[in-house]
Amino acid sequence: MTNEKCAENVQLKELQNLYSRPLTAQEADFAAQHLSLVRWFLHEQGLDESEWFDVVIFRYLLSVKRWHSQPHLKAYSFSTIAVKAMHSAVSGERRKQMRRVETVSLNTPIPRTNGLVLEDCIAA
């Protein structure tokens, strides 16, 4: 295994550990103090809080853990790290939504067919 592959595996393991462990007391206090950043982000992006809060909050909390446990991230402001992570979470959710199968009703009119519905096209 190459050194590059080993480094990727180590980073993946560290990230998995961050996901699975609870916030420390210090991280929980920090997250609570900066929670307004989540609401600011949602407002700035024009996202409905009731629909998008759950999408971004988990990435925000992961950002808190990363910022406290990975010293090289201290070179950036916490808001920079968190906003980039929340952008990523929103982008990922939008990609996931675009892959979802759309449910249609057999009683839905087919556009430009003078009222023809899908049910009319099915052989009995």
PDB file of N, CA and C in Angstrom:
ATOM      1  N   MET A   1       0.850  -1.175   0.000  1.00  0.00           N
ATOM      2  CA  MET A   1       0.000   0.000   0.000  1.00  0.00           C
ATOM      3  C   MET A   1       0.894   1.235   0.000  1.00  0.00           C
ATOM      4  N   THR A   2       0.569   2.218  -0.830  1.00  0.00           N
ATOM      5  CA  THR A   2       1.386   3.427  -0.923  1.00  0.00           C
ATOM      6  C   THR A   2       1.169   4.311   0.292  1.00  0.00           C
ATOM      7  N   ASN A   3       2.108   5.225   0.519  1.00  0.00           N
ATOM      8  CA  ASN A   3       1.985   6.171   1.635  1.00  0.00           C
ATOM      9  C   ASN A   3       0.742   7.029   1.486  1.00  0.00           C
ATOM     10  N   GLU A   4       0.435   7.392   0.236  1.00  0.00           N
ATOM     11  CA  GLU A   4      -0.749   8.221  -0.027  1.00  0.00           C
ATOM     12  C   GLU A   4      -2.026   7.470   0.369  1.00  0.00           C
ATOM     13  N   LYS A   5      -2.103   6.180   0.022  1.00  0.00           N
ATOM     14  CA  LYS A   5      -3.259   5.353   0.366  1.00  0.00           C
ATOM     15  C   LYS A   5      -3.385   5.215   1.881  1.00  0.00           C
ATOM     16  N   CYS A   6      -2.260   5.027   2.548  1.00  0.00           N
ATOM     17  CA  CYS A   6      -2.259   4.905   4.014  1.00  0.00           C
ATOM     18  C   CYS A   6      -2.774   6.192   4.654  1.00  0.00           C
ATOM     19  N   ALA A   7      -2.315   7.324   4.138  1.00  0.00           N
ATOM     20  CA  ALA A   7      -2.750   8.613   4.678  1.00  0.00           C
ATOM     21  C   ALA A   7      -4.258   8.791   4.490  1.00  0.00           C
ATOM     22  N   GLU A   8      -4.781   8.374   3.332  1.00  0.00           N
ATOM     23  CA  GLU A   8      -6.222   8.469   3.085  1.00  0.00           C
ATOM     24  C   GLU A   8      -6.998   7.586   4.059  1.00  0.00           C
ATOM     25  N   ASN A   9      -6.486   6.382   4.311  1.00  0.00           N
ATOM     26  CA  ASN A   9      -7.143   5.470   5.245  1.00  0.00           C
ATOM     27  C   ASN A   9      -7.157   6.026   6.664  1.00  0.00           C
ATOM     28  N   VAL A  10      -6.044   6.640   7.060  1.00  0.00           N
ATOM     29  CA  VAL A  10      -5.962   7.247   8.390  1.00  0.00           C
ATOM     30  C   VAL A  10      -6.962   8.394   8.499  1.00  0.00           C
ATOM     31  N   GLN A  11      -7.030   9.245   7.462  1.00  0.00           N
ATOM     32  CA  GLN A  11      -7.977  10.370   7.484  1.00  0.00           C
ATOM     33  C   GLN A  11      -9.414   9.863   7.539  1.00  0.00           C
ATOM     34  N   LEU A  12      -9.722   8.815   6.793  1.00  0.00           N
ATOM     35  CA  LEU A  12     -11.064   8.247   6.798  1.00  0.00           C
ATOM     36  C   LEU A  12     -11.417   7.705   8.172  1.00  0.00           C
ATOM     37  N   LYS A  13     -10.470   7.000   8.804  1.00  0.00           N
ATOM     38  CA  LYS A  13     -10.688   6.470  10.154  1.00  0.00           C
ATOM     39  C   LYS A  13     -10.947   7.607  11.153  1.00  0.00           C
ATOM     40  N   GLU A  14     -10.147   8.674  11.051  1.00  0.00           N
ATOM     41  CA  GLU A  14     -10.317   9.819  11.949  1.00  0.00           C
ATOM     42  C   GLU A  14     -11.693  10.444  11.761  1.00  0.00           C
ATOM     43  N   LEU A  15     -12.121  10.579  10.520  1.00  0.00           N
ATOM     44  CA  LEU A  15     -13.427  11.156  10.236  1.00  0.00           C
ATOM     45  C   LEU A  15     -14.545  10.265  10.773  1.00  0.00           C
ATOM     46  N   GLN A  16     -14.404   8.950  10.610  1.00  0.00           N
ATOM     47  CA  GLN A  16     -15.401   8.019  11.137  1.00  0.00           C
ATOM     48  C   GLN A  16     -15.481   8.119  12.658  1.00  0.00           C
ATOM     49  N   ASN A  17     -14.318   8.266  13.311  1.00  0.00           N
ATOM     50  CA  ASN A  17     -14.292   8.426  14.765  1.00  0.00           C
ATOM     51  C   ASN A  17     -14.992   9.716  15.186  1.00  0.00           C
ATOM     52  N   LEU A  18     -14.774  10.785  14.432  1.00  0.00           N
ATOM     53  CA  LEU A  18     -15.428  12.053  14.751  1.00  0.00           C
ATOM     54  C   LEU A  18     -16.939  11.931  14.621  1.00  0.00           C
ATOM     55  N   TYR A  19     -17.400  11.257  13.562  1.00  0.00           N
ATOM     56  CA  TYR A  19     -18.839  11.073  13.364  1.00  0.00           C
ATOM     57  C   TYR A  19     -19.467  10.321  14.535  1.00  0.00           C
ATOM     58  N   SER A  20     -18.771   9.290  14.992  1.00  0.00           N
ATOM     59  CA  SER A  20     -19.394   8.392  15.965  1.00  0.00           C
ATOM     60  C   SER A  20     -19.296   8.871  17.417  1.00  0.00           C
ATOM     61  N   ARG A  21     -18.331   9.673  17.728  1.00  0.00           N
ATOM     62  CA  ARG A  21     -18.194  10.083  19.134  1.00  0.00           C
ATOM     63  C   ARG A  21     -19.056  11.299  19.457  1.00  0.00           C
ATOM     64  N   PRO A  22     -19.541  11.371  20.700  1.00  0.00           N
ATOM     65  CA  PRO A  22     -20.324  12.553  21.093  1.00  0.00           C
ATOM     66  C   PRO A  22     -19.425  13.782  21.244  1.00  0.00           C
ATOM     67  N   LEU A  23     -20.045  14.942  21.261  1.00  0.00           N
ATOM     68  CA  LEU A  23     -19.303  16.180  21.505  1.00  0.00           C
ATOM     69  C   LEU A  23     -18.725  16.160  22.914  1.00  0.00           C
ATOM     70  N   THR A  24     -17.531  16.705  23.068  1.00  0.00           N
ATOM     71  CA  THR A  24     -16.995  16.901  24.415  1.00  0.00           C
ATOM     72  C   THR A  24     -17.756  18.073  25.044  1.00  0.00           C
ATOM     73  N   ALA A  25     -17.579  18.267  26.324  1.00  0.00           N
ATOM     74  CA  ALA A  25     -18.241  19.388  27.003  1.00  0.00           C
ATOM     75  C   ALA A  25     -17.794  20.718  26.391  1.00  0.00           C
ATOM     76  N   GLN A  26     -16.505  20.836  26.109  1.00  0.00           N
ATOM     77  CA  GLN A  26     -15.981  22.064  25.505  1.00  0.00           C
ATOM     78  C   GLN A  26     -16.593  22.283  24.114  1.00  0.00           C
ATOM     79  N   GLU A  27     -16.678  21.223  23.318  1.00  0.00           N
ATOM     80  CA  GLU A  27     -17.259  21.336  21.982  1.00  0.00           C
ATOM     81  C   GLU A  27     -18.747  21.675  22.045  1.00  0.00           C
ATOM     82  N   ALA A  28     -19.453  21.080  22.993  1.00  0.00           N
ATOM     83  CA  ALA A  28     -20.885  21.354  23.138  1.00  0.00           C
ATOM     84  C   ALA A  28     -21.123  22.820  23.501  1.00  0.00           C
ATOM     85  N   ASP A  29     -20.316  23.361  24.412  1.00  0.00           N
ATOM     86  CA  ASP A  29     -20.426  24.779  24.774  1.00  0.00           C
ATOM     87  C   ASP A  29     -20.131  25.667  23.566  1.00  0.00           C
ATOM     88  N   PHE A  30     -19.076  25.319  22.841  1.00  0.00           N
ATOM     89  CA  PHE A  30     -18.684  26.085  21.655  1.00  0.00           C
ATOM     90  C   PHE A  30     -19.800  26.049  20.610  1.00  0.00           C
ATOM     91  N   ALA A  31     -20.361  24.855  20.369  1.00  0.00           N
ATOM     92  CA  ALA A  31     -21.444  24.707  19.387  1.00  0.00           C
ATOM     93  C   ALA A  31     -22.649  25.553  19.784  1.00  0.00           C
ATOM     94  N   ALA A  32     -22.989  25.561  21.055  1.00  0.00           N
ATOM     95  CA  ALA A  32     -24.126  26.342  21.526  1.00  0.00           C
ATOM     96  C   ALA A  32     -23.872  27.842  21.369  1.00  0.00           C
ATOM     97  N   GLN A  33     -22.643  28.273  21.643  1.00  0.00           N
ATOM     98  CA  GLN A  33     -22.299  29.688  21.534  1.00  0.00           C
ATOM     99  C   GLN A  33     -22.355  30.187  20.094  1.00  0.00           C
ATOM    100  N   HIS A  34     -22.103  29.305  19.132  1.00  0.00           N
ATOM    101  CA  HIS A  34     -22.032  29.706  17.730  1.00  0.00           C
ATOM    102  C   HIS A  34     -23.227  29.230  16.902  1.00  0.00           C
ATOM    103  N   LEU A  35     -24.268  28.748  17.559  1.00  0.00           N
ATOM    104  CA  LEU A  35     -25.433  28.203  16.861  1.00  0.00           C
ATOM    105  C   LEU A  35     -26.100  29.233  15.949  1.00  0.00           C
ATOM    106  N   SER A  36     -25.985  30.495  16.277  1.00  0.00           N
ATOM    107  CA  SER A  36     -26.577  31.540  15.434  1.00  0.00           C
ATOM    108  C   SER A  36     -25.997  31.499  14.017  1.00  0.00           C
ATOM    109  N   LEU A  37     -24.806  30.944  13.866  1.00  0.00           N
ATOM    110  CA  LEU A  37     -24.184  30.799  12.545  1.00  0.00           C
ATOM    111  C   LEU A  37     -25.037  29.914  11.634  1.00  0.00           C
ATOM    112  N   VAL A  38     -25.665  28.893  12.197  1.00  0.00           N
ATOM    113  CA  VAL A  38     -26.529  28.003  11.412  1.00  0.00           C
ATOM    114  C   VAL A  38     -27.736  28.774  10.902  1.00  0.00           C
ATOM    115  N   ARG A  39     -28.372  29.530  11.785  1.00  0.00           N
ATOM    116  CA  ARG A  39     -29.555  30.299  11.374  1.00  0.00           C
ATOM    117  C   ARG A  39     -29.173  31.392  10.369  1.00  0.00           C
ATOM    118  N   TRP A  40     -28.032  32.025  10.579  1.00  0.00           N
ATOM    119  CA  TRP A  40     -27.554  33.030   9.630  1.00  0.00           C
ATOM    120  C   TRP A  40     -27.351  32.395   8.261  1.00  0.00           C
ATOM    121  N   PHE A  41     -26.698  31.245   8.224  1.00  0.00           N
ATOM    122  CA  PHE A  41     -26.437  30.549   6.967  1.00  0.00           C
ATOM    123  C   PHE A  41     -27.746  30.226   6.247  1.00  0.00           C
ATOM    124  N   LEU A  42     -28.702  29.667   6.957  1.00  0.00           N
ATOM    125  CA  LEU A  42     -29.989  29.320   6.339  1.00  0.00           C
ATOM    126  C   LEU A  42     -30.666  30.563   5.775  1.00  0.00           C
ATOM    127  N   HIS A  43     -30.633  31.642   6.534  1.00  0.00           N
ATOM    128  CA  HIS A  43     -31.247  32.894   6.082  1.00  0.00           C
ATOM    129  C   HIS A  43     -30.530  33.427   4.839  1.00  0.00           C
ATOM    130  N   GLU A  44     -29.210  33.454   4.867  1.00  0.00           N
ATOM    131  CA  GLU A  44     -28.427  33.969   3.739  1.00  0.00           C
ATOM    132  C   GLU A  44     -28.641  33.149   2.466  1.00  0.00           C
ATOM    133  N   GLN A  45     -28.871  31.864   2.633  1.00  0.00           N
ATOM    134  CA  GLN A  45     -29.069  30.986   1.477  1.00  0.00           C
ATOM    135  C   GLN A  45     -30.541  30.928   1.043  1.00  0.00           C
ATOM    136  N   GLY A  46     -31.409  31.606   1.799  1.00  0.00           N
ATOM    137  CA  GLY A  46     -32.832  31.598   1.472  1.00  0.00           C
ATOM    138  C   GLY A  46     -33.467  30.237   1.683  1.00  0.00           C
ATOM    139  N   LEU A  47     -32.976  29.500   2.666  1.00  0.00           N
ATOM    140  CA  LEU A  47     -33.479  28.154   2.937  1.00  0.00           C
ATOM    141  C   LEU A  47     -34.440  28.184   4.119  1.00  0.00           C
ATOM    142  N   ASP A  48     -35.541  27.479   3.991  1.00  0.00           N
ATOM    143  CA  ASP A  48     -36.533  27.391   5.053  1.00  0.00           C
ATOM    144  C   ASP A  48     -35.945  26.575   6.210  1.00  0.00           C
ATOM    145  N   GLU A  49     -35.900  27.175   7.385  1.00  0.00           N
ATOM    146  CA  GLU A  49     -35.298  26.517   8.541  1.00  0.00           C
ATOM    147  C   GLU A  49     -35.983  25.195   8.865  1.00  0.00           C
ATOM    148  N   SER A  50     -37.292  25.135   8.725  1.00  0.00           N
ATOM    149  CA  SER A  50     -38.010  23.903   9.066  1.00  0.00           C
ATOM    150  C   SER A  50     -37.653  22.748   8.122  1.00  0.00           C
ATOM    151  N   GLU A  51     -37.215  23.059   6.923  1.00  0.00           N
ATOM    152  CA  GLU A  51     -36.852  22.019   5.956  1.00  0.00           C
ATOM    153  C   GLU A  51     -35.360  21.703   5.957  1.00  0.00           C
ATOM    154  N   TRP A  52     -34.523  22.686   6.232  1.00  0.00           N
ATOM    155  CA  TRP A  52     -33.086  22.532   6.025  1.00  0.00           C
ATOM    156  C   TRP A  52     -32.253  22.466   7.298  1.00  0.00           C
ATOM    157  N   PHE A  53     -32.831  22.777   8.447  1.00  0.00           N
ATOM    158  CA  PHE A  53     -32.048  22.789   9.694  1.00  0.00           C
ATOM    159  C   PHE A  53     -31.397  21.423   9.938  1.00  0.00           C
ATOM    160  N   ASP A  54     -32.181  20.342   9.805  1.00  0.00           N
ATOM    161  CA  ASP A  54     -31.641  19.006  10.038  1.00  0.00           C
ATOM    162  C   ASP A  54     -30.524  18.658   9.063  1.00  0.00           C
ATOM    163  N   VAL A  55     -30.612  19.171   7.856  1.00  0.00           N
ATOM    164  CA  VAL A  55     -29.589  18.885   6.843  1.00  0.00           C
ATOM    165  C   VAL A  55     -28.256  19.501   7.247  1.00  0.00           C
ATOM    166  N   VAL A  56     -28.277  20.739   7.716  1.00  0.00           N
ATOM    167  CA  VAL A  56     -27.017  21.443   7.991  1.00  0.00           C
ATOM    168  C   VAL A  56     -26.507  21.264   9.417  1.00  0.00           C
ATOM    169  N   ILE A  57     -27.376  20.978  10.378  1.00  0.00           N
ATOM    170  CA  ILE A  57     -26.928  20.957  11.774  1.00  0.00           C
ATOM    171  C   ILE A  57     -25.915  19.851  12.034  1.00  0.00           C
ATOM    172  N   PHE A  58     -26.093  18.701  11.398  1.00  0.00           N
ATOM    173  CA  PHE A  58     -25.152  17.608  11.643  1.00  0.00           C
ATOM    174  C   PHE A  58     -23.769  17.924  11.071  1.00  0.00           C
ATOM    175  N   ARG A  59     -23.736  18.579   9.935  1.00  0.00           N
ATOM    176  CA  ARG A  59     -22.448  18.980   9.351  1.00  0.00           C
ATOM    177  C   ARG A  59     -21.830  20.090  10.196  1.00  0.00           C
ATOM    178  N   TYR A  60     -22.661  20.977  10.745  1.00  0.00           N
ATOM    179  CA  TYR A  60     -22.176  22.027  11.638  1.00  0.00           C
ATOM    180  C   TYR A  60     -21.503  21.393  12.865  1.00  0.00           C
ATOM    181  N   LEU A  61     -22.176  20.414  13.452  1.00  0.00           N
ATOM    182  CA  LEU A  61     -21.623  19.767  14.645  1.00  0.00           C
ATOM    183  C   LEU A  61     -20.337  19.002  14.323  1.00  0.00           C
ATOM    184  N   LEU A  62     -20.272  18.395  13.165  1.00  0.00           N
ATOM    185  CA  LEU A  62     -19.034  17.737  12.744  1.00  0.00           C
ATOM    186  C   LEU A  62     -17.922  18.783  12.578  1.00  0.00           C
ATOM    187  N   SER A  63     -18.275  19.952  12.076  1.00  0.00           N
ATOM    188  CA  SER A  63     -17.294  21.037  11.931  1.00  0.00           C
ATOM    189  C   SER A  63     -16.749  21.464  13.285  1.00  0.00           C
ATOM    190  N   VAL A  64     -17.615  21.494  14.288  1.00  0.00           N
ATOM    191  CA  VAL A  64     -17.166  21.829  15.645  1.00  0.00           C
ATOM    192  C   VAL A  64     -16.139  20.805  16.106  1.00  0.00           C
ATOM    193  N   LYS A  65     -16.446  19.524  15.923  1.00  0.00           N
ATOM    194  CA  LYS A  65     -15.506  18.469  16.328  1.00  0.00           C
ATOM    195  C   LYS A  65     -14.191  18.575  15.565  1.00  0.00           C
ATOM    196  N   ARG A  66     -14.281  18.780  14.248  1.00  0.00           N
ATOM    197  CA  ARG A  66     -13.071  18.865  13.420  1.00  0.00           C
ATOM    198  C   ARG A  66     -12.222  20.061  13.834  1.00  0.00           C
ATOM    199  N   TRP A  67     -12.853  21.203  14.055  1.00  0.00           N
ATOM    200  CA  TRP A  67     -12.119  22.420  14.367  1.00  0.00           C
ATOM    201  C   TRP A  67     -11.375  22.287  15.695  1.00  0.00           C
ATOM    202  N   HIS A  68     -11.979  21.550  16.631  1.00  0.00           N
ATOM    203  CA  HIS A  68     -11.333  21.373  17.930  1.00  0.00           C
ATOM    204  C   HIS A  68     -10.283  20.262  17.934  1.00  0.00           C
ATOM    205  N   SER A  69     -10.390  19.305  17.048  1.00  0.00           N
ATOM    206  CA  SER A  69      -9.475  18.158  17.100  1.00  0.00           C
ATOM    207  C   SER A  69      -8.401  18.157  16.014  1.00  0.00           C
ATOM    208  N   GLN A  70      -8.533  18.994  15.011  1.00  0.00           N
ATOM    209  CA  GLN A  70      -7.543  19.032  13.933  1.00  0.00           C
ATOM    210  C   GLN A  70      -6.855  20.403  13.929  1.00  0.00           C
ATOM    211  N   PRO A  71      -5.698  20.482  14.545  1.00  0.00           N
ATOM    212  CA  PRO A  71      -5.010  21.768  14.744  1.00  0.00           C
ATOM    213  C   PRO A  71      -4.796  22.580  13.471  1.00  0.00           C
ATOM    214  N   HIS A  72      -4.584  21.931  12.340  1.00  0.00           N
ATOM    215  CA  HIS A  72      -4.331  22.687  11.101  1.00  0.00           C
ATOM    216  C   HIS A  72      -5.534  23.531  10.685  1.00  0.00           C
ATOM    217  N   LEU A  73      -6.726  23.197  11.166  1.00  0.00           N
ATOM    218  CA  LEU A  73      -7.917  23.981  10.825  1.00  0.00           C
ATOM    219  C   LEU A  73      -7.980  25.309  11.578  1.00  0.00           C
ATOM    220  N   LYS A  74      -7.218  25.433  12.652  1.00  0.00           N
ATOM    221  CA  LYS A  74      -7.202  26.679  13.430  1.00  0.00           C
ATOM    222  C   LYS A  74      -6.618  27.836  12.630  1.00  0.00           C
ATOM    223  N   ALA A  75      -6.018  27.529  11.488  1.00  0.00           N
ATOM    224  CA  ALA A  75      -5.500  28.593  10.620  1.00  0.00           C
ATOM    225  C   ALA A  75      -6.645  29.372   9.984  1.00  0.00           C
ATOM    226  N   TYR A  76      -7.858  28.819  10.050  1.00  0.00           N
ATOM    227  CA  TYR A  76      -9.050  29.447   9.474  1.00  0.00           C
ATOM    228  C   TYR A  76     -10.036  29.765  10.596  1.00  0.00           C
ATOM    229  N   SER A  77     -10.893  30.730  10.344  1.00  0.00           N
ATOM    230  CA  SER A  77     -11.915  31.022  11.346  1.00  0.00           C
ATOM    231  C   SER A  77     -12.919  29.870  11.366  1.00  0.00           C
ATOM    232  N   PHE A  78     -13.517  29.649  12.519  1.00  0.00           N
ATOM    233  CA  PHE A  78     -14.502  28.572  12.624  1.00  0.00           C
ATOM    234  C   PHE A  78     -15.642  28.792  11.642  1.00  0.00           C
ATOM    235  N   SER A  79     -16.077  30.033  11.477  1.00  0.00           N
ATOM    236  CA  SER A  79     -17.198  30.302  10.579  1.00  0.00           C
ATOM    237  C   SER A  79     -16.871  29.890   9.143  1.00  0.00           C
ATOM    238  N   THR A  80     -15.639  30.052   8.719  1.00  0.00           N
ATOM    239  CA  THR A  80     -15.232  29.635   7.378  1.00  0.00           C
ATOM    240  C   THR A  80     -15.376  28.122   7.229  1.00  0.00           C
ATOM    241  N   ILE A  81     -14.891  27.379   8.204  1.00  0.00           N
ATOM    242  CA  ILE A  81     -14.978  25.913   8.180  1.00  0.00           C
ATOM    243  C   ILE A  81     -16.439  25.470   8.197  1.00  0.00           C
ATOM    244  N   ALA A  82     -17.234  26.039   9.089  1.00  0.00           N
ATOM    245  CA  ALA A  82     -18.626  25.622   9.241  1.00  0.00           C
ATOM    246  C   ALA A  82     -19.469  25.974   8.018  1.00  0.00           C
ATOM    247  N   VAL A  83     -19.289  27.167   7.478  1.00  0.00           N
ATOM    248  CA  VAL A  83     -20.083  27.582   6.312  1.00  0.00           C
ATOM    249  C   VAL A  83     -19.758  26.698   5.106  1.00  0.00           C
ATOM    250  N   LYS A  84     -18.482  26.399   4.892  1.00  0.00           N
ATOM    251  CA  LYS A  84     -18.114  25.507   3.780  1.00  0.00           C
ATOM    252  C   LYS A  84     -18.754  24.132   3.972  1.00  0.00           C
ATOM    253  N   ALA A  85     -18.739  23.634   5.189  1.00  0.00           N
ATOM    254  CA  ALA A  85     -19.326  22.322   5.471  1.00  0.00           C
ATOM    255  C   ALA A  85     -20.839  22.342   5.265  1.00  0.00           C
ATOM    256  N   MET A  86     -21.500  23.416   5.682  1.00  0.00           N
ATOM    257  CA  MET A  86     -22.953  23.502   5.511  1.00  0.00           C
ATOM    258  C   MET A  86     -23.312  23.629   4.033  1.00  0.00           C
ATOM    259  N   HIS A  87     -22.512  24.375   3.269  1.00  0.00           N
ATOM    260  CA  HIS A  87     -22.722  24.445   1.814  1.00  0.00           C
ATOM    261  C   HIS A  87     -22.646  23.045   1.208  1.00  0.00           C
ATOM    262  N   SER A  88     -21.667  22.284   1.641  1.00  0.00           N
ATOM    263  CA  SER A  88     -21.482  20.929   1.143  1.00  0.00           C
ATOM    264  C   SER A  88     -22.689  20.056   1.489  1.00  0.00           C
ATOM    265  N   ALA A  89     -23.213  20.204   2.704  1.00  0.00           N
ATOM    266  CA  ALA A  89     -24.374  19.420   3.120  1.00  0.00           C
ATOM    267  C   ALA A  89     -25.596  19.753   2.264  1.00  0.00           C
ATOM    268  N   VAL A  90     -25.804  21.034   1.992  1.00  0.00           N
ATOM    269  CA  VAL A  90     -26.938  21.453   1.158  1.00  0.00           C
ATOM    270  C   VAL A  90     -26.774  20.925  -0.261  1.00  0.00           C
ATOM    271  N   SER A  91     -25.575  21.035  -0.809  1.00  0.00           N
ATOM    272  CA  SER A  91     -25.328  20.532  -2.165  1.00  0.00           C
ATOM    273  C   SER A  91     -25.579  19.033  -2.246  1.00  0.00           C
ATOM    274  N   GLY A  92     -25.104  18.305  -1.256  1.00  0.00           N
ATOM    275  CA  GLY A  92     -25.314  16.861  -1.234  1.00  0.00           C
ATOM    276  C   GLY A  92     -26.789  16.492  -1.151  1.00  0.00           C
ATOM    277  N   GLU A  93     -27.528  17.221  -0.337  1.00  0.00           N
ATOM    278  CA  GLU A  93     -28.965  16.953  -0.210  1.00  0.00           C
ATOM    279  C   GLU A  93     -29.695  17.266  -1.509  1.00  0.00           C
ATOM    280  N   ARG A  94     -29.312  18.341  -2.157  1.00  0.00           N
ATOM    281  CA  ARG A  94     -29.961  18.689  -3.431  1.00  0.00           C
ATOM    282  C   ARG A  94     -29.668  17.633  -4.501  1.00  0.00           C
ATOM    283  N   ARG A  95     -28.436  17.137  -4.537  1.00  0.00           N
ATOM    284  CA  ARG A  95     -28.110  16.064  -5.491  1.00  0.00           C
ATOM    285  C   ARG A  95     -28.938  14.811  -5.192  1.00  0.00           C
ATOM    286  N   LYS A  96     -29.090  14.498  -3.912  1.00  0.00           N
ATOM    287  CA  LYS A  96     -29.875  13.336  -3.511  1.00  0.00           C
ATOM    288  C   LYS A  96     -31.335  13.512  -3.917  1.00  0.00           C
ATOM    289  N   GLN A  97     -31.866  14.709  -3.728  1.00  0.00           N
ATOM    290  CA  GLN A  97     -33.259  14.976  -4.100  1.00  0.00           C
ATOM    291  C   GLN A  97     -33.474  14.848  -5.603  1.00  0.00           C
ATOM    292  N   MET A  98     -32.490  15.247  -6.395  1.00  0.00           N
ATOM    293  CA  MET A  98     -32.628  15.171  -7.847  1.00  0.00           C
ATOM    294  C   MET A  98     -32.623  13.720  -8.334  1.00  0.00           C
ATOM    295  N   ARG A  99     -32.035  12.808  -7.557  1.00  0.00           N
ATOM    296  CA  ARG A  99     -31.998  11.396  -7.945  1.00  0.00           C
ATOM    297  C   ARG A  99     -33.265  10.639  -7.543  1.00  0.00           C
ATOM    298  N   ARG A 100     -34.088  11.247  -6.708  1.00  0.00           N
ATOM    299  CA  ARG A 100     -35.294  10.565  -6.245  1.00  0.00           C
ATOM    300  C   ARG A 100     -36.284  10.387  -7.382  1.00  0.00           C
ATOM    301  N   VAL A 101     -36.977   9.268  -7.347  1.00  0.00           N
ATOM    302  CA  VAL A 101     -37.997   8.979  -8.336  1.00  0.00           C
ATOM    303  C   VAL A 101     -39.220   9.830  -8.021  1.00  0.00           C
ATOM    304  N   GLU A 102     -39.774  10.448  -9.034  1.00  0.00           N
ATOM    305  CA  GLU A 102     -40.953  11.282  -8.852  1.00  0.00           C
ATOM    306  C   GLU A 102     -42.204  10.412  -8.901  1.00  0.00           C
ATOM    307  N   THR A 103     -43.074  10.569  -7.926  1.00  0.00           N
ATOM    308  CA  THR A 103     -44.329   9.838  -7.890  1.00  0.00           C
ATOM    309  C   THR A 103     -45.356  10.605  -8.713  1.00  0.00           C
ATOM    310  N   VAL A 104     -46.026   9.900  -9.598  1.00  0.00           N
ATOM    311  CA  VAL A 104     -47.073  10.537 -10.404  1.00  0.00           C
ATOM    312  C   VAL A 104     -48.375   9.768 -10.247  1.00  0.00           C
ATOM    313  N   SER A 105     -49.446  10.468 -10.402  1.00  0.00           N
ATOM    314  CA  SER A 105     -50.770   9.864 -10.318  1.00  0.00           C
ATOM    315  C   SER A 105     -51.234   9.489 -11.713  1.00  0.00           C
ATOM    316  N   LEU A 106     -51.955   8.409 -11.814  1.00  0.00           N
ATOM    317  CA  LEU A 106     -52.522   8.014 -13.105  1.00  0.00           C
ATOM    318  C   LEU A 106     -53.608   8.981 -13.552  1.00  0.00           C
ATOM    319  N   ASN A 107     -54.075   9.813 -12.632  1.00  0.00           N
ATOM    320  CA  ASN A 107     -55.108  10.792 -12.956  1.00  0.00           C
ATOM    321  C   ASN A 107     -54.544  12.166 -13.292  1.00  0.00           C
ATOM    322  N   THR A 108     -53.237  12.251 -13.403  1.00  0.00           N
ATOM    323  CA  THR A 108     -52.589  13.509 -13.740  1.00  0.00           C
ATOM    324  C   THR A 108     -52.705  13.759 -15.239  1.00  0.00           C
ATOM    325  N   PRO A 109     -53.214  14.931 -15.624  1.00  0.00           N
ATOM    326  CA  PRO A 109     -53.300  15.236 -17.059  1.00  0.00           C
ATOM    327  C   PRO A 109     -51.915  15.294 -17.701  1.00  0.00           C
ATOM    328  N   ILE A 110     -51.812  14.765 -18.906  1.00  0.00           N
ATOM    329  CA  ILE A 110     -50.565  14.815 -19.662  1.00  0.00           C
ATOM    330  C   ILE A 110     -50.528  16.177 -20.362  1.00  0.00           C
ATOM    331  N   PRO A 111     -49.432  16.915 -20.179  1.00  0.00           N
ATOM    332  CA  PRO A 111     -49.351  18.250 -20.802  1.00  0.00           C
ATOM    333  C   PRO A 111     -49.568  18.190 -22.315  1.00  0.00           C
ATOM    334  N   ARG A 112     -50.254  19.210 -22.818  1.00  0.00           N
ATOM    335  CA  ARG A 112     -50.507  19.415 -24.248  1.00  0.00           C
ATOM    336  C   ARG A 112     -51.270  18.256 -24.905  1.00  0.00           C
ATOM    337  N   THR A 113     -52.203  17.631 -24.153  1.00  0.00           N
ATOM    338  CA  THR A 113     -52.989  16.528 -24.729  1.00  0.00           C
ATOM    339  C   THR A 113     -54.489  16.731 -24.551  1.00  0.00           C
ATOM    340  N   ASN A 114     -54.908  17.958 -24.300  1.00  0.00           N
ATOM    341  CA  ASN A 114     -56.341  18.273 -24.137  1.00  0.00           C
ATOM    342  C   ASN A 114     -57.018  17.413 -23.072  1.00  0.00           C
ATOM    343  N   GLY A 115     -56.373  17.259 -21.916  1.00  0.00           N
ATOM    344  CA  GLY A 115     -57.017  16.582 -20.795  1.00  0.00           C
ATOM    345  C   GLY A 115     -56.807  15.089 -20.726  1.00  0.00           C
ATOM    346  N   LEU A 116     -56.050  14.499 -21.625  1.00  0.00           N
ATOM    347  CA  LEU A 116     -55.755  13.074 -21.578  1.00  0.00           C
ATOM    348  C   LEU A 116     -54.957  12.792 -20.309  1.00  0.00           C
ATOM    349  N   VAL A 117     -55.317  11.743 -19.581  1.00  0.00           N
ATOM    350  CA  VAL A 117     -54.596  11.371 -18.359  1.00  0.00           C
ATOM    351  C   VAL A 117     -53.855  10.063 -18.606  1.00  0.00           C
ATOM    352  N   LEU A 118     -52.880   9.778 -17.749  1.00  0.00           N
ATOM    353  CA  LEU A 118     -52.066   8.582 -17.905  1.00  0.00           C
ATOM    354  C   LEU A 118     -52.919   7.304 -17.921  1.00  0.00           C
ATOM    355  N   GLU A 119     -53.941   7.300 -17.111  1.00  0.00           N
ATOM    356  CA  GLU A 119     -54.829   6.123 -17.020  1.00  0.00           C
ATOM    357  C   GLU A 119     -55.450   5.799 -18.368  1.00  0.00           C
ATOM    358  N   ASP A 120     -55.728   6.820 -19.184  1.00  0.00           N
ATOM    359  CA  ASP A 120     -56.320   6.606 -20.498  1.00  0.00           C
ATOM    360  C   ASP A 120     -55.363   5.913 -21.455  1.00  0.00           C
ATOM    361  N   CYS A 121     -54.062   5.899 -21.134  1.00  0.00           N
ATOM    362  CA  CYS A 121     -53.059   5.340 -22.035  1.00  0.00           C
ATOM    363  C   CYS A 121     -52.737   3.886 -21.707  1.00  0.00           C
ATOM    364  N   ILE A 122     -53.294   3.380 -20.613  1.00  0.00           N
ATOM    365  CA  ILE A 122     -53.015   2.010 -20.202  1.00  0.00           C
ATOM    366  C   ILE A 122     -54.023   1.062 -20.831  1.00  0.00           C
ATOM    367  N   ALA A 123     -53.546   0.008 -21.447  1.00  0.00           N
ATOM    368  CA  ALA A 123     -54.457  -0.985 -22.068  1.00  0.00           C
ATOM    369  C   ALA A 123     -55.183  -1.732 -20.965  1.00  0.00           C
ATOM    370  N   ALA A 124     -56.452  -1.920 -21.172  1.00  0.00           N
ATOM    371  CA  ALA A 124     -57.280  -2.624 -20.184  1.00  0.00           C
ATOM    372  C   ALA A 124     -57.078  -4.116 -20.244  1.00  0.00           C
TER     373      ALA A 124
END
